[in-house]
Amino acid sequence: MEIHRRMLAQYGQSTMSQRKVYEWVGRFKSGRTRVTDEGRSGRPSTSRSRKASSPQEYRNQLNDITNELCCKGTM
């Protein structure tokens, strides 16, 4: 997938997996427009784990996905 290849070139080993990229692409194609968490009921999470070195790095990766999808006209 072109998006994942470009993310690897930009972010190296900090890039999310190709499977996750496919999942996010599917979400955006289904109409999702934000990269922030959706509201949900139930008990909030008490811990978080991320492969990226910072939240800003994840935002940058997800913004790249959004920009790629918008430019391709898939939304």
N, C-alpha and C. Protein backbone atom coordinates (compact mmCIF):
# COMPACT_ATOMS: atom_id res chain seq x y z
N MET A 1 0.86 -1.18 0.00
CA MET A 1 0.00 0.00 0.00
C MET A 1 0.90 1.24 0.00
N GLU A 2 0.59 2.14 -0.87
CA GLU A 2 1.39 3.36 -1.06
C GLU A 2 1.46 4.20 0.22
N ILE A 3 0.35 4.31 0.93
CA ILE A 3 0.34 5.14 2.15
C ILE A 3 1.34 4.59 3.16
N HIS A 4 1.31 3.29 3.38
CA HIS A 4 2.23 2.69 4.36
C HIS A 4 3.67 2.84 3.90
N ARG A 5 3.95 2.67 2.64
CA ARG A 5 5.31 2.83 2.12
C ARG A 5 5.82 4.24 2.38
N ARG A 6 4.97 5.24 2.14
CA ARG A 6 5.37 6.63 2.36
C ARG A 6 5.57 6.92 3.85
N MET A 7 4.74 6.32 4.69
CA MET A 7 4.91 6.51 6.13
C MET A 7 6.22 5.89 6.61
N LEU A 8 6.56 4.71 6.08
CA LEU A 8 7.84 4.09 6.43
C LEU A 8 9.01 4.97 6.03
N ALA A 9 8.92 5.55 4.84
CA ALA A 9 10.00 6.43 4.37
C ALA A 9 10.13 7.65 5.27
N GLN A 10 9.02 8.16 5.76
CA GLN A 10 9.02 9.37 6.59
C GLN A 10 9.40 9.08 8.05
N TYR A 11 8.80 8.03 8.64
CA TYR A 11 8.91 7.81 10.08
C TYR A 11 9.74 6.58 10.47
N GLY A 12 10.16 5.79 9.51
CA GLY A 12 10.98 4.62 9.81
C GLY A 12 10.23 3.61 10.66
N GLN A 13 10.93 3.04 11.63
CA GLN A 13 10.37 1.98 12.47
C GLN A 13 9.28 2.47 13.43
N SER A 14 9.09 3.77 13.54
CA SER A 14 8.03 4.30 14.40
C SER A 14 6.66 4.25 13.72
N THR A 15 6.63 3.87 12.47
CA THR A 15 5.38 3.83 11.70
C THR A 15 4.47 2.73 12.22
N MET A 16 3.17 3.00 12.22
CA MET A 16 2.21 1.97 12.59
C MET A 16 2.27 0.84 11.57
N SER A 17 1.77 -0.32 11.95
CA SER A 17 1.83 -1.50 11.08
C SER A 17 0.97 -1.29 9.84
N GLN A 18 1.27 -2.07 8.82
CA GLN A 18 0.48 -1.99 7.59
C GLN A 18 -0.97 -2.35 7.86
N ARG A 19 -1.19 -3.31 8.74
CA ARG A 19 -2.56 -3.70 9.10
C ARG A 19 -3.33 -2.52 9.68
N LYS A 20 -2.67 -1.77 10.59
CA LYS A 20 -3.33 -0.59 11.19
C LYS A 20 -3.62 0.48 10.13
N VAL A 21 -2.69 0.66 9.21
CA VAL A 21 -2.93 1.62 8.13
C VAL A 21 -4.16 1.21 7.34
N TYR A 22 -4.28 -0.08 6.99
CA TYR A 22 -5.47 -0.55 6.29
C TYR A 22 -6.74 -0.27 7.09
N GLU A 23 -6.69 -0.51 8.40
CA GLU A 23 -7.86 -0.25 9.25
C GLU A 23 -8.24 1.22 9.19
N TRP A 24 -7.26 2.13 9.33
CA TRP A 24 -7.55 3.56 9.30
C TRP A 24 -8.07 4.00 7.93
N VAL A 25 -7.49 3.47 6.88
CA VAL A 25 -7.98 3.80 5.53
C VAL A 25 -9.44 3.39 5.41
N GLY A 26 -9.77 2.21 5.90
CA GLY A 26 -11.16 1.76 5.87
C GLY A 26 -12.09 2.68 6.66
N ARG A 27 -11.62 3.14 7.80
CA ARG A 27 -12.44 4.05 8.62
C ARG A 27 -12.69 5.36 7.88
N PHE A 28 -11.65 5.91 7.25
CA PHE A 28 -11.83 7.17 6.54
C PHE A 28 -12.71 6.98 5.30
N LYS A 29 -12.57 5.86 4.63
CA LYS A 29 -13.43 5.59 3.47
C LYS A 29 -14.88 5.44 3.88
N SER A 30 -15.10 4.99 5.11
CA SER A 30 -16.47 4.81 5.63
C SER A 30 -17.07 6.11 6.15
N GLY A 31 -16.31 7.20 6.07
CA GLY A 31 -16.87 8.48 6.47
C GLY A 31 -16.24 9.12 7.68
N ARG A 32 -15.33 8.47 8.34
CA ARG A 32 -14.68 9.09 9.49
C ARG A 32 -13.88 10.30 9.03
N THR A 33 -13.94 11.38 9.80
CA THR A 33 -13.25 12.60 9.41
C THR A 33 -12.26 13.09 10.46
N ARG A 34 -12.22 12.45 11.62
CA ARG A 34 -11.35 12.88 12.71
C ARG A 34 -10.42 11.75 13.12
N VAL A 35 -9.27 12.13 13.65
CA VAL A 35 -8.34 11.13 14.16
C VAL A 35 -8.40 11.02 15.68
N THR A 36 -9.22 11.84 16.31
CA THR A 36 -9.37 11.78 17.76
C THR A 36 -10.33 10.64 18.12
N ASP A 37 -10.25 10.18 19.36
CA ASP A 37 -11.11 9.11 19.82
C ASP A 37 -12.57 9.53 19.77
N GLU A 38 -13.41 8.58 19.39
CA GLU A 38 -14.86 8.79 19.41
C GLU A 38 -15.34 8.62 20.86
N GLY A 39 -16.41 9.34 21.22
CA GLY A 39 -16.99 9.16 22.54
C GLY A 39 -17.57 7.77 22.67
N ARG A 40 -17.50 7.21 23.87
CA ARG A 40 -18.07 5.88 24.09
C ARG A 40 -18.45 5.74 25.55
N SER A 41 -19.34 4.83 25.82
CA SER A 41 -19.78 4.60 27.19
C SER A 41 -18.88 3.56 27.85
N GLY A 42 -19.02 3.44 29.14
CA GLY A 42 -18.24 2.45 29.87
C GLY A 42 -17.09 3.07 30.63
N ARG A 43 -16.37 2.22 31.29
CA ARG A 43 -15.25 2.66 32.12
C ARG A 43 -14.09 3.13 31.24
N PRO A 44 -13.49 4.27 31.55
CA PRO A 44 -12.37 4.75 30.74
C PRO A 44 -11.13 3.88 30.92
N SER A 45 -10.29 3.87 29.92
CA SER A 45 -9.05 3.13 29.97
C SER A 45 -8.13 3.71 31.05
N THR A 46 -7.38 2.83 31.70
CA THR A 46 -6.46 3.30 32.73
C THR A 46 -5.01 3.27 32.29
N SER A 47 -4.74 2.68 31.13
CA SER A 47 -3.37 2.65 30.62
C SER A 47 -3.39 2.75 29.11
N ARG A 48 -2.26 3.19 28.56
CA ARG A 48 -2.13 3.34 27.11
C ARG A 48 -0.76 2.85 26.70
N SER A 49 -0.71 2.23 25.55
CA SER A 49 0.59 1.85 25.00
C SER A 49 0.63 2.26 23.54
N ARG A 50 1.74 2.83 23.11
CA ARG A 50 1.90 3.31 21.74
C ARG A 50 3.27 2.90 21.23
N LYS A 51 3.33 2.60 19.96
CA LYS A 51 4.61 2.27 19.35
C LYS A 51 5.35 3.53 18.92
N ALA A 52 4.62 4.57 18.61
CA ALA A 52 5.26 5.83 18.21
C ALA A 52 5.91 6.45 19.45
N SER A 53 6.90 7.25 19.21
CA SER A 53 7.64 7.83 20.33
C SER A 53 6.90 8.97 21.01
N SER A 54 5.87 9.52 20.36
CA SER A 54 5.14 10.62 20.98
C SER A 54 3.73 10.71 20.39
N PRO A 55 2.81 11.33 21.13
CA PRO A 55 1.46 11.55 20.58
C PRO A 55 1.50 12.40 19.31
N GLN A 56 2.43 13.35 19.26
CA GLN A 56 2.53 14.20 18.07
C GLN A 56 2.91 13.36 16.85
N GLU A 57 3.74 12.37 17.05
CA GLU A 57 4.13 11.50 15.93
C GLU A 57 2.93 10.73 15.39
N TYR A 58 2.07 10.23 16.29
CA TYR A 58 0.85 9.56 15.85
C TYR A 58 -0.06 10.52 15.10
N ARG A 59 -0.22 11.73 15.64
CA ARG A 59 -1.06 12.72 14.95
C ARG A 59 -0.52 12.99 13.55
N ASN A 60 0.79 13.10 13.44
CA ASN A 60 1.39 13.35 12.13
C ASN A 60 1.12 12.20 11.17
N GLN A 61 1.23 10.97 11.67
CA GLN A 61 0.97 9.80 10.82
C GLN A 61 -0.48 9.78 10.36
N LEU A 62 -1.40 10.03 11.28
CA LEU A 62 -2.81 10.01 10.93
C LEU A 62 -3.18 11.18 10.02
N ASN A 63 -2.57 12.32 10.22
CA ASN A 63 -2.80 13.44 9.32
C ASN A 63 -2.33 13.11 7.91
N ASP A 64 -1.21 12.41 7.81
CA ASP A 64 -0.71 11.99 6.49
C ASP A 64 -1.71 11.07 5.80
N ILE A 65 -2.31 10.16 6.57
CA ILE A 65 -3.32 9.27 6.00
C ILE A 65 -4.51 10.08 5.50
N THR A 66 -4.96 11.00 6.35
CA THR A 66 -6.11 11.84 5.97
C THR A 66 -5.80 12.64 4.71
N ASN A 67 -4.63 13.24 4.66
CA ASN A 67 -4.26 14.03 3.49
C ASN A 67 -4.17 13.17 2.24
N GLU A 68 -3.63 11.98 2.36
CA GLU A 68 -3.52 11.07 1.23
C GLU A 68 -4.91 10.70 0.71
N LEU A 69 -5.83 10.40 1.60
CA LEU A 69 -7.17 10.02 1.18
C LEU A 69 -7.90 11.20 0.54
N CYS A 70 -7.74 12.37 1.09
CA CYS A 70 -8.39 13.56 0.52
C CYS A 70 -7.84 13.87 -0.87
N CYS A 71 -6.56 13.72 -1.04
CA CYS A 71 -5.95 14.03 -2.33
C CYS A 71 -6.34 13.01 -3.40
N LYS A 72 -6.59 11.78 -3.01
CA LYS A 72 -6.98 10.75 -3.96
C LYS A 72 -8.47 10.82 -4.30
N GLY A 73 -9.22 11.62 -3.57
CA GLY A 73 -10.65 11.76 -3.83
C GLY A 73 -11.46 10.57 -3.37
N THR A 74 -10.99 9.84 -2.34
CA THR A 74 -11.70 8.66 -1.88
C THR A 74 -12.71 8.94 -0.78
N MET A 75 -12.73 10.17 -0.28
CA MET A 75 -13.66 10.47 0.80
C MET A 75 -14.96 10.98 0.26
